Protein backbone atom coordinates (compact mmCIF):
# COMPACT_ATOMS: atom_id res chain seq x y z
CA MET A 1 61.54 50.89 191.80
CA ALA A 2 61.25 47.10 191.48
CA LEU A 3 58.11 45.00 191.86
CA THR A 4 58.72 41.89 193.95
CA GLY A 5 56.57 39.07 195.16
CA VAL A 6 54.18 39.30 192.22
CA SER A 7 52.45 35.91 191.93
CA THR A 8 50.63 36.42 188.63
CA SER A 9 51.92 36.95 185.12
CA VAL A 10 50.04 40.25 184.77
CA VAL A 11 50.64 43.39 186.79
CA ASP A 12 47.62 45.70 186.66
CA MET A 13 48.64 49.36 186.79
CA SER A 14 45.60 50.64 184.94
CA GLY A 15 44.15 54.06 185.53
CA ASN A 16 42.14 56.63 183.62
CA THR A 17 43.64 59.86 184.88
CA THR A 18 47.36 59.52 184.14
CA GLY A 19 49.92 57.55 182.11
CA LEU A 20 52.76 55.14 182.67
CA VAL A 21 56.21 56.74 182.96
CA ILE A 22 58.99 54.37 181.91
CA ALA A 23 62.73 54.53 182.43
CA LYS A 24 64.38 57.36 180.53
CA GLY A 25 67.81 58.84 179.84
CA THR A 26 70.42 59.73 177.25
CA THR A 27 72.06 57.46 174.70
CA ALA A 28 75.23 57.36 176.79
CA GLU A 29 73.25 56.32 179.86
CA ARG A 30 71.54 53.59 177.82
CA ASP A 31 74.89 52.26 176.58
CA ALA A 32 76.15 52.15 180.18
CA ILE A 33 73.43 49.63 181.17
CA SER A 34 75.19 46.48 182.29
CA SER A 35 73.85 43.27 180.64
CA PRO A 36 70.56 44.62 179.23
CA GLN A 37 67.80 42.02 178.93
CA ALA A 38 65.68 41.34 175.85
CA GLY A 39 62.39 43.20 176.16
CA MET A 40 63.73 46.15 178.14
CA ILE A 41 62.08 49.42 177.13
CA ARG A 42 63.10 53.00 177.83
CA ASN A 43 62.61 56.53 176.55
CA ASN A 44 65.67 58.13 174.91
CA THR A 45 65.64 61.77 175.96
CA GLU A 46 68.06 62.74 173.16
CA THR A 47 66.09 61.28 170.25
CA ASP A 48 62.64 61.53 171.90
CA LYS A 49 61.94 57.93 170.93
CA VAL A 50 60.93 54.83 172.87
CA GLU A 51 63.53 52.08 172.51
CA VAL A 52 63.40 48.31 173.06
CA TYR A 53 66.31 45.92 173.51
CA ASN A 54 65.86 42.88 171.25
CA GLY A 55 68.61 40.79 172.79
CA THR A 56 71.27 42.11 170.40
CA ASP A 57 70.86 45.88 170.14
CA TRP A 58 68.49 48.73 170.90
CA ARG A 59 65.76 49.47 168.34
CA ASN A 60 63.31 52.36 168.11
CA LEU A 61 59.58 51.87 168.46
CA VAL A 62 57.47 53.65 165.83
CA GLU A 63 53.95 54.98 166.12
CA ALA A 64 51.32 52.31 166.82
CA GLY A 65 53.88 50.43 168.91
CA ASN A 66 55.55 48.35 166.16
CA ALA A 67 59.26 47.70 166.42
CA ALA A 68 61.40 49.62 163.93
CA PRO A 69 62.44 47.70 160.81
CA PRO A 70 65.97 46.32 160.59
CA LEU A 71 68.63 48.93 159.89
CA THR A 72 69.45 48.09 156.27
CA VAL A 73 71.38 50.68 154.31
CA ASP A 74 71.94 51.16 150.57
CA TYR A 75 74.96 53.20 149.58
CA LEU A 76 76.62 55.10 146.75
CA VAL A 77 80.23 56.11 147.42
CA VAL A 78 81.95 58.22 144.73
CA ALA A 79 85.49 59.57 145.08
CA GLY A 80 86.76 62.92 143.84
CA GLY A 81 87.64 63.18 140.15
CA GLY A 82 91.14 63.80 138.81
CA GLY A 83 92.36 67.15 137.55
CA ALA A 84 93.21 67.68 133.89
CA TRP A 85 96.25 68.81 131.93
CA VAL A 86 96.13 68.24 128.17
CA GLY A 87 94.67 64.79 128.88
CA GLY A 88 91.27 64.74 130.61
CA GLY A 89 91.04 63.80 134.26
CA GLY A 90 89.77 60.35 135.25
CA ALA A 91 86.54 60.06 137.22
CA GLY A 92 86.54 59.12 140.86
CA GLY A 93 85.92 55.46 141.70
CA LEU A 94 82.28 54.45 142.20
CA LEU A 95 81.03 51.81 144.65
CA THR A 96 77.35 50.94 145.16
CA ASN A 97 75.11 48.10 146.31
CA VAL A 98 71.97 49.53 144.68
CA GLY A 99 70.32 46.65 142.86
CA GLY A 100 72.05 44.19 145.21
CA THR A 101 72.11 43.34 148.91
CA ALA A 102 71.82 46.16 151.43
CA LEU A 103 74.21 46.50 154.36
CA SER A 104 72.95 45.44 157.79
CA LEU A 105 74.21 48.00 160.29
CA ASN A 106 73.81 48.65 164.01
CA THR A 107 72.50 51.62 165.91
CA ALA A 108 74.78 53.55 168.27
CA THR A 109 77.84 52.55 166.22
CA PRO A 110 79.90 55.36 164.64
CA TYR A 111 80.68 54.60 160.99
CA ASN A 112 83.52 56.38 159.22
CA VAL A 113 82.61 58.67 156.35
CA THR A 114 84.77 60.87 154.10
CA VAL A 115 83.85 62.79 150.97
CA GLY A 116 86.84 63.05 148.62
CA GLY A 117 87.81 66.35 147.01
CA GLY A 118 88.43 66.84 143.31
CA GLY A 119 92.02 67.03 142.09
CA ALA A 120 93.38 70.37 140.92
CA GLY A 121 93.90 70.90 137.22
CA ALA A 122 97.24 72.17 135.91
CA ALA A 123 97.33 75.93 136.42
CA THR A 124 99.71 76.42 133.46
CA TYR A 125 101.01 74.42 130.55
CA SER A 126 104.18 73.69 132.52
CA GLY A 127 102.35 73.06 135.82
CA THR A 128 101.00 69.84 137.28
CA SER A 129 97.59 68.26 137.81
CA ALA A 130 96.52 66.10 140.74
CA ASN A 131 94.53 62.97 141.54
CA GLY A 132 91.19 63.25 143.30
CA SER A 133 90.87 62.14 146.92
CA ASN A 134 89.29 58.91 148.18
CA SER A 135 85.76 58.71 149.59
CA ILE A 136 84.95 56.35 152.47
CA PHE A 137 81.93 54.79 154.10
CA ASP A 138 82.57 52.24 156.86
CA SER A 139 85.02 49.72 155.32
CA LEU A 140 84.34 50.84 151.74
CA THR A 141 86.89 53.04 149.97
CA SER A 142 86.42 54.44 146.49
CA ILE A 143 89.66 55.58 144.88
CA GLY A 144 90.24 59.13 143.65
CA GLY A 145 90.36 59.68 139.90
CA GLY A 146 93.71 59.75 138.10
CA PHE A 147 95.05 63.07 136.84
CA GLY A 148 95.26 63.87 133.14
CA GLY A 149 98.70 63.78 131.56
CA GLN A 150 100.80 66.28 129.63
CA ASN A 151 102.51 66.15 126.23
CA PHE A 152 105.83 64.32 126.64
CA GLY A 153 104.74 63.17 130.09
CA PRO A 154 103.81 62.40 132.65
CA ALA A 155 101.16 60.08 131.25
CA GLY A 156 97.65 59.93 132.68
CA ALA A 157 97.67 58.59 136.21
CA THR A 158 96.11 55.45 137.67
CA GLY A 159 93.05 56.02 139.87
CA GLY A 160 89.40 55.07 140.36
CA SER A 161 89.28 55.74 136.63
CA GLY A 162 92.51 56.51 134.82
CA GLY A 163 93.47 59.90 133.47
CA GLY A 164 93.93 60.55 129.77
CA SER A 165 97.41 61.15 128.38
CA GLY A 166 99.10 63.75 126.19
CA ALA A 167 100.94 63.05 122.94
CA THR A 168 104.65 62.68 122.19
CA THR A 169 106.71 62.36 119.01
CA SER A 170 107.88 58.86 119.84
CA GLY A 171 104.81 56.64 119.87
CA ILE A 172 101.45 56.09 121.53
CA THR A 173 101.18 57.02 125.21
CA SER A 174 98.85 54.78 127.19
CA GLY A 175 96.22 56.30 129.46
CA GLY A 176 96.13 55.72 133.19
CA LEU A 177 94.60 52.51 134.51
CA GLY A 178 91.27 52.36 136.32
CA THR A 179 90.59 50.37 139.50
CA SER A 180 88.78 47.07 138.96
CA GLY A 181 85.13 47.29 140.01
CA GLN A 182 85.27 51.08 140.35
CA GLY A 183 86.15 52.61 136.99
CA ASN A 184 87.85 52.36 133.61
CA ASP A 185 91.10 53.27 131.88
CA GLY A 186 91.92 56.63 130.36
CA GLY A 187 92.30 56.85 126.59
CA ASP A 188 95.61 56.58 124.73
CA ALA A 189 97.29 59.60 123.14
CA PRO A 190 98.56 59.21 119.56
CA THR A 191 101.97 60.08 118.17
CA ARG A 192 102.15 63.77 117.43
CA THR A 193 101.52 64.42 113.75
CA SER A 194 103.01 67.18 111.60
CA ALA A 195 100.35 66.61 108.95
CA ILE A 196 97.73 68.49 110.97
CA GLY A 197 99.51 71.61 112.08
CA GLY A 198 101.92 69.78 114.39
CA LEU A 199 99.00 68.59 116.54
CA TYR A 200 99.38 67.05 119.98
CA ALA A 201 96.01 65.47 120.81
CA GLY A 202 95.15 64.56 124.41
CA SER A 203 92.90 61.62 125.27
CA GLY A 204 89.81 61.49 127.45
CA GLY A 205 89.76 60.42 131.07
CA GLY A 206 88.05 57.16 132.00
CA GLY A 207 84.58 57.07 133.52
CA ALA A 208 82.78 54.62 135.79
CA GLY A 209 80.80 53.27 132.82
CA SER A 210 83.33 53.30 129.95
CA ALA A 211 86.94 54.03 129.07
CA GLY A 212 88.12 57.42 127.85
CA ALA A 213 88.40 57.82 124.09
CA ASP A 214 91.79 58.03 122.41
CA GLY A 215 93.08 61.31 121.04
CA TYR A 216 93.02 61.14 117.26
CA THR A 217 94.91 62.52 114.29
CA THR A 218 92.69 61.59 111.36
CA GLY A 219 90.66 64.21 109.53
CA THR A 220 91.16 67.45 111.43
CA GLY A 221 92.34 65.59 114.53
CA GLY A 222 91.39 66.37 118.10
CA GLY A 223 91.07 65.41 121.75
CA GLY A 224 89.25 62.28 122.92
CA ASN A 225 85.94 62.33 124.77
CA GLY A 226 85.73 61.39 128.42
CA GLY A 227 84.26 58.03 129.35
CA ASP A 228 80.65 58.01 130.50
CA GLY A 229 79.71 57.49 134.13
CA LEU A 230 77.05 55.16 135.51
CA GLN A 231 73.42 55.82 136.34
CA ASN A 232 72.20 55.21 139.88
CA ASP A 233 68.69 55.65 141.31
CA ILE A 234 69.48 55.65 145.04
CA THR A 235 67.84 59.10 145.29
CA GLY A 236 64.72 57.94 143.45
CA THR A 237 65.89 59.47 140.18
CA ASN A 238 68.32 57.87 137.73
CA THR A 239 71.36 60.15 137.78
CA TYR A 240 74.80 59.80 136.17
CA TYR A 241 77.90 59.92 138.35
CA ALA A 242 81.65 59.67 137.68
CA GLY A 243 82.11 60.78 134.07
CA GLY A 244 85.62 61.31 132.66
CA GLY A 245 86.99 64.63 131.46
CA GLY A 246 87.46 65.43 127.77
CA GLY A 247 90.95 65.64 126.25
CA GLY A 248 92.43 68.91 124.99
CA VAL A 249 94.87 69.69 122.14
CA HIS A 250 98.03 71.67 121.55
CA GLY A 251 99.05 72.60 118.06
CA ASP A 252 99.59 75.21 115.39
CA THR A 253 96.26 74.97 113.57
CA THR A 254 92.68 76.10 113.93
CA GLY A 255 89.34 74.30 113.83
CA VAL A 256 90.54 71.33 115.88
CA ALA A 257 87.92 69.47 117.91
CA THR A 258 88.39 68.97 121.62
CA GLY A 259 86.95 66.29 123.87
CA THR A 260 83.55 66.38 125.56
CA GLY A 261 83.17 65.34 129.19
CA GLY A 262 81.43 62.04 129.86
CA SER A 263 77.91 61.83 131.28
CA GLY A 264 78.22 62.14 135.03
CA GLY A 265 79.83 65.52 135.51
CA GLY A 266 82.96 65.20 133.38
CA GLY A 267 84.43 68.56 132.33
CA ASN A 268 84.60 69.56 128.68
CA ALA A 269 88.01 70.32 127.21
CA ALA A 270 88.70 73.90 126.22
CA ILE A 271 87.82 75.03 122.71
CA GLN A 272 91.08 75.62 120.90
CA PRO A 273 91.67 79.33 120.35
CA SER A 274 91.95 80.64 116.79
CA SER A 275 95.18 82.54 117.34
CA HIS A 276 98.27 82.19 119.45
CA GLY A 277 97.01 81.78 122.99
CA GLY A 278 95.57 79.28 125.43
CA ALA A 279 92.18 78.36 126.87
CA ALA A 280 91.26 76.72 130.18
CA GLY A 281 89.50 73.36 130.37
CA GLY A 282 86.15 73.09 132.09
CA ASN A 283 85.85 72.08 135.72
CA ALA A 284 83.88 68.93 136.51
CA THR A 285 80.53 69.17 138.32
CA ALA A 286 80.71 69.15 142.12
CA ASN A 287 79.55 66.02 143.98
CA THR A 288 79.64 63.82 140.88
CA GLY A 289 83.27 62.65 140.96
CA GLY A 290 83.70 63.79 137.35
CA GLY A 291 87.14 64.33 135.83
CA GLY A 292 88.34 67.79 134.75
CA GLY A 293 88.45 68.85 131.11
CA GLY A 294 91.79 69.31 129.31
CA GLY A 295 93.17 72.70 128.37
CA ALA A 296 93.87 73.70 124.75
CA SER A 297 96.37 76.04 123.14
CA PHE A 298 97.49 77.34 119.75
CA PHE A 299 101.19 76.82 120.39
CA ALA A 300 101.19 79.13 123.37
CA VAL A 301 101.11 78.59 127.08
CA SER A 302 99.48 81.86 128.09
CA GLY A 303 95.98 81.30 129.46
CA PHE A 304 96.32 77.51 129.38
CA ALA A 305 94.90 75.57 132.34
CA GLY A 306 93.39 72.17 132.92
CA GLY A 307 90.00 71.86 134.58
CA SER A 308 89.68 70.63 138.17
CA GLY A 309 87.99 67.37 139.08
CA GLY A 310 84.58 67.32 140.76
CA SER A 311 84.24 66.50 144.45
CA GLY A 312 82.84 63.13 145.41
CA VAL A 313 79.70 62.23 147.34
CA VAL A 314 78.39 59.63 149.80
CA ILE A 315 74.65 58.89 149.57
CA LEU A 316 72.86 56.58 152.04
CA LYS A 317 69.31 55.23 151.91
CA TYR A 318 67.80 53.79 155.11
CA PRO A 319 64.35 53.19 156.72
CA ASP A 320 62.71 56.41 157.84
CA ALA A 321 62.24 55.09 161.40
CA TYR A 322 65.90 55.97 161.99
CA THR A 323 67.73 59.22 162.50
CA THR A 324 71.44 60.00 162.16
CA SER A 325 73.97 62.25 163.80
CA LEU A 326 77.28 63.46 162.33
CA SER A 327 80.44 64.00 164.33
CA THR A 328 81.63 67.57 164.68
CA GLY A 329 84.97 69.07 163.78
CA GLY A 330 85.47 67.43 160.39
CA GLY A 331 83.26 69.68 158.30
CA LEU A 332 80.70 66.99 157.47
CA THR A 333 77.80 68.43 155.51
CA SER A 334 74.63 66.52 154.66
CA ALA A 335 71.02 66.93 153.63
CA VAL A 336 68.24 64.42 154.37
CA ASP A 337 65.28 63.86 152.03
CA SER A 338 62.39 61.93 153.63
CA THR A 339 59.76 62.49 150.94
CA THR A 340 61.05 61.24 147.59
CA VAL A 341 61.18 57.49 148.32
CA PRO A 342 58.24 56.41 150.57
CA GLY A 343 59.37 54.71 153.75
CA TYR A 344 63.01 55.79 153.41
CA LYS A 345 65.33 58.65 154.12
CA ILE A 346 67.99 59.62 151.59
CA GLU A 347 71.02 61.26 153.19
CA LYS A 348 73.44 62.98 150.81
CA ILE A 349 76.80 63.80 152.39
CA THR A 350 78.62 66.34 150.26
CA ALA A 351 81.76 67.37 152.19
CA GLY A 352 83.97 66.61 155.15
CA THR A 353 85.26 63.70 157.16
CA GLY A 354 84.15 62.11 160.45
CA THR A 355 81.54 59.59 161.56
CA ILE A 356 77.83 58.98 161.13
CA THR A 357 75.75 57.23 163.82
CA PHE A 358 72.24 55.79 163.42
CA SER A 359 69.64 55.77 166.17
């Protein structure tokens, strides 16, 4: 119905026994409106919210009739950590704007989102380890952590943070390189020494906050620690993410130290067994992007395995006037917290790939 021929600037439709019913329909029907005008209002039957067109996009109205705040979004995007071998796995790359400028996004626009998986650790001494997978939000891509290397190669791999390397008899083996702005390098592995039981010492994987420590051959020798991750308070609590995995050892001696995983979910290297045999490195913590911990052995391959990298995570913080929907079919999994940070929702996406849409 249209009102025509109205000569005053006020149309009086007052009454005390009923209410005003405004235009209503689904989001798709709203988006099909040709040339919407600033000031248009309607009821969205999918979100059960009243919307107003501000001349650029549709915004929700909140209780008391105030327009919803701008859709500004803080983010933390962490990729999956690398798997370990003797060298510790590198942490997944970390990208965040927390402490900086928030993103300005639009409603009704699908934004790409992917949570990277952790890389597999080497299943045996002669096996292989793998890089973690990338995580994505919109145009942001954090790079999966580099895998940890093996004695005599391959060396630790390049990634968000680089993987630690294993030792050789022919010189220092450099750790994998980290990605600028996302992580740090893996530690270097020393030349194998015969002075300490023929020890091959693996280095630690890099973390988002610091590089992995070198394997070492002084004293009793041992594997290097993983690099620490970074703290982030997007959830309202300062939490470490993206720690590197500790480096393991391989040699014919006992009492050799192995590397500790970095703060932020990095896996600890295996404790070297006291007799001929192997021990598996520790897996990194899920949804931290930590690198896996290196395996250790007493000159045996039985039972040896590197730890797997931790899966990544995408965390978004946005005004609580908004809601989100995830696309189906890609296994996206999320949880929304609307109580910890007043005025905001914190959405933690822990698995899958697809799109997220704000309304």
